[in-house]
Amino acid sequence: MKKGDIVKFREVADPGDEKVWMRLLEDPDGGRVLVEALVGMQLNPTYVYPVNDLVMCDQRDLIRKTA
């Protein structure tokens, strides 16, 4: 993963988590990374998550999400 990649949660912990996509705002460092939740708000919230909790969205995910 690198800055700018689109990611999602590896495992769903709470209802709705499967719909949340995030953009990495920085390159992962020390096992954690700063992300921006892509939720369509004027100012999207940012969070820090362990890198192991996230996976990159593949091309099929991106096509389904934008279709």
C-alpha atoms as a PDB file:
ATOM      1  CA  MET A   1       0.000   0.000   0.000  1.00  0.00           C
ATOM      2  CA  LYS A   2       1.079   3.551  -0.680  1.00  0.00           C
ATOM      3  CA  LYS A   3      -0.249   7.079  -0.364  1.00  0.00           C
ATOM      4  CA  GLY A   4      -3.338   7.597  -2.560  1.00  0.00           C
ATOM      5  CA  ASP A   5      -4.412   3.938  -2.660  1.00  0.00           C
ATOM      6  CA  ILE A   6      -8.078   3.118  -2.028  1.00  0.00           C
ATOM      7  CA  VAL A   7      -8.583   0.568   0.755  1.00  0.00           C
ATOM      8  CA  LYS A   8     -11.341  -1.097   2.743  1.00  0.00           C
ATOM      9  CA  PHE A   9     -11.541  -3.039   6.006  1.00  0.00           C
ATOM     10  CA  ARG A  10     -10.138  -6.571   5.910  1.00  0.00           C
ATOM     11  CA  GLU A  11     -12.923  -7.790   8.239  1.00  0.00           C
ATOM     12  CA  VAL A  12     -16.281  -6.186   9.000  1.00  0.00           C
ATOM     13  CA  ALA A  13     -16.552  -5.310  12.705  1.00  0.00           C
ATOM     14  CA  ASP A  14     -19.617  -3.060  12.700  1.00  0.00           C
ATOM     15  CA  PRO A  15     -22.681  -2.801  10.436  1.00  0.00           C
ATOM     16  CA  GLY A  16     -21.884  -0.645   7.433  1.00  0.00           C
ATOM     17  CA  ASP A  17     -18.116  -1.233   7.535  1.00  0.00           C
ATOM     18  CA  GLU A  18     -18.309  -3.149   4.263  1.00  0.00           C
ATOM     19  CA  LYS A  19     -19.468   0.043   2.529  1.00  0.00           C
ATOM     20  CA  VAL A  20     -16.669   2.276   3.836  1.00  0.00           C
ATOM     21  CA  TRP A  21     -13.775   2.980   1.507  1.00  0.00           C
ATOM     22  CA  MET A  22     -10.770   5.028   2.497  1.00  0.00           C
ATOM     23  CA  ARG A  23      -7.884   6.793   0.769  1.00  0.00           C
ATOM     24  CA  LEU A  24      -4.424   6.555   2.288  1.00  0.00           C
ATOM     25  CA  LEU A  25      -3.224  10.060   3.113  1.00  0.00           C
ATOM     26  CA  GLU A  26       0.329   8.899   3.749  1.00  0.00           C
ATOM     27  CA  ASP A  27       2.555   5.911   3.159  1.00  0.00           C
ATOM     28  CA  PRO A  28       2.233   3.297   5.928  1.00  0.00           C
ATOM     29  CA  ASP A  29       4.799   3.754   8.672  1.00  0.00           C
ATOM     30  CA  GLY A  30       5.344   1.653  11.776  1.00  0.00           C
ATOM     31  CA  GLY A  31       2.352  -0.593  11.089  1.00  0.00           C
ATOM     32  CA  ARG A  32      -0.185   2.255  11.084  1.00  0.00           C
ATOM     33  CA  VAL A  33      -1.526   4.590   8.433  1.00  0.00           C
ATOM     34  CA  LEU A  34      -3.602   7.783   8.236  1.00  0.00           C
ATOM     35  CA  VAL A  35      -6.694   7.395   6.049  1.00  0.00           C
ATOM     36  CA  GLU A  36      -9.551   9.587   4.832  1.00  0.00           C
ATOM     37  CA  ALA A  37     -12.984   7.945   4.870  1.00  0.00           C
ATOM     38  CA  LEU A  38     -14.630   8.494   1.466  1.00  0.00           C
ATOM     39  CA  VAL A  39     -18.137   9.192   2.723  1.00  0.00           C
ATOM     40  CA  GLY A  40     -19.102  12.168   0.565  1.00  0.00           C
ATOM     41  CA  MET A  41     -18.950  14.841   3.247  1.00  0.00           C
ATOM     42  CA  GLN A  42     -17.540  18.290   2.542  1.00  0.00           C
ATOM     43  CA  LEU A  43     -14.737  17.459   4.991  1.00  0.00           C
ATOM     44  CA  ASN A  44     -14.270  13.691   5.135  1.00  0.00           C
ATOM     45  CA  PRO A  45     -13.192  12.339   8.538  1.00  0.00           C
ATOM     46  CA  THR A  46      -9.677  10.980   8.986  1.00  0.00           C
ATOM     47  CA  TYR A  47      -8.553   8.045  11.113  1.00  0.00           C
ATOM     48  CA  VAL A  48      -5.428   6.098  11.967  1.00  0.00           C
ATOM     49  CA  TYR A  49      -5.720   2.319  11.493  1.00  0.00           C
ATOM     50  CA  PRO A  50      -3.323  -0.588  11.751  1.00  0.00           C
ATOM     51  CA  VAL A  51      -2.170  -1.548   8.257  1.00  0.00           C
ATOM     52  CA  ASN A  52      -3.153  -5.177   8.961  1.00  0.00           C
ATOM     53  CA  ASP A  53      -6.819  -4.121   9.345  1.00  0.00           C
ATOM     54  CA  LEU A  54      -6.956  -2.821   5.747  1.00  0.00           C
ATOM     55  CA  VAL A  55      -6.800  -4.326   2.260  1.00  0.00           C
ATOM     56  CA  MET A  56      -6.520  -2.622  -1.091  1.00  0.00           C
ATOM     57  CA  CYS A  57      -9.667  -2.430  -3.197  1.00  0.00           C
ATOM     58  CA  ASP A  58      -9.215  -4.356  -6.415  1.00  0.00           C
ATOM     59  CA  GLN A  59     -10.360  -3.258  -9.863  1.00  0.00           C
ATOM     60  CA  ARG A  60     -13.641  -5.220  -9.562  1.00  0.00           C
ATOM     61  CA  ASP A  61     -14.484  -3.379  -6.324  1.00  0.00           C
ATOM     62  CA  LEU A  62     -13.849  -0.022  -7.980  1.00  0.00           C
ATOM     63  CA  ILE A  63     -16.020  -0.892 -10.997  1.00  0.00           C
ATOM     64  CA  ARG A  64     -18.904  -2.098  -8.786  1.00  0.00           C
ATOM     65  CA  LYS A  65     -18.729   0.968  -6.545  1.00  0.00           C
ATOM     66  CA  THR A  66     -18.833   3.461  -9.430  1.00  0.00           C
ATOM     67  CA  ALA A  67     -21.424   1.628 -11.544  1.00  0.00           C
END
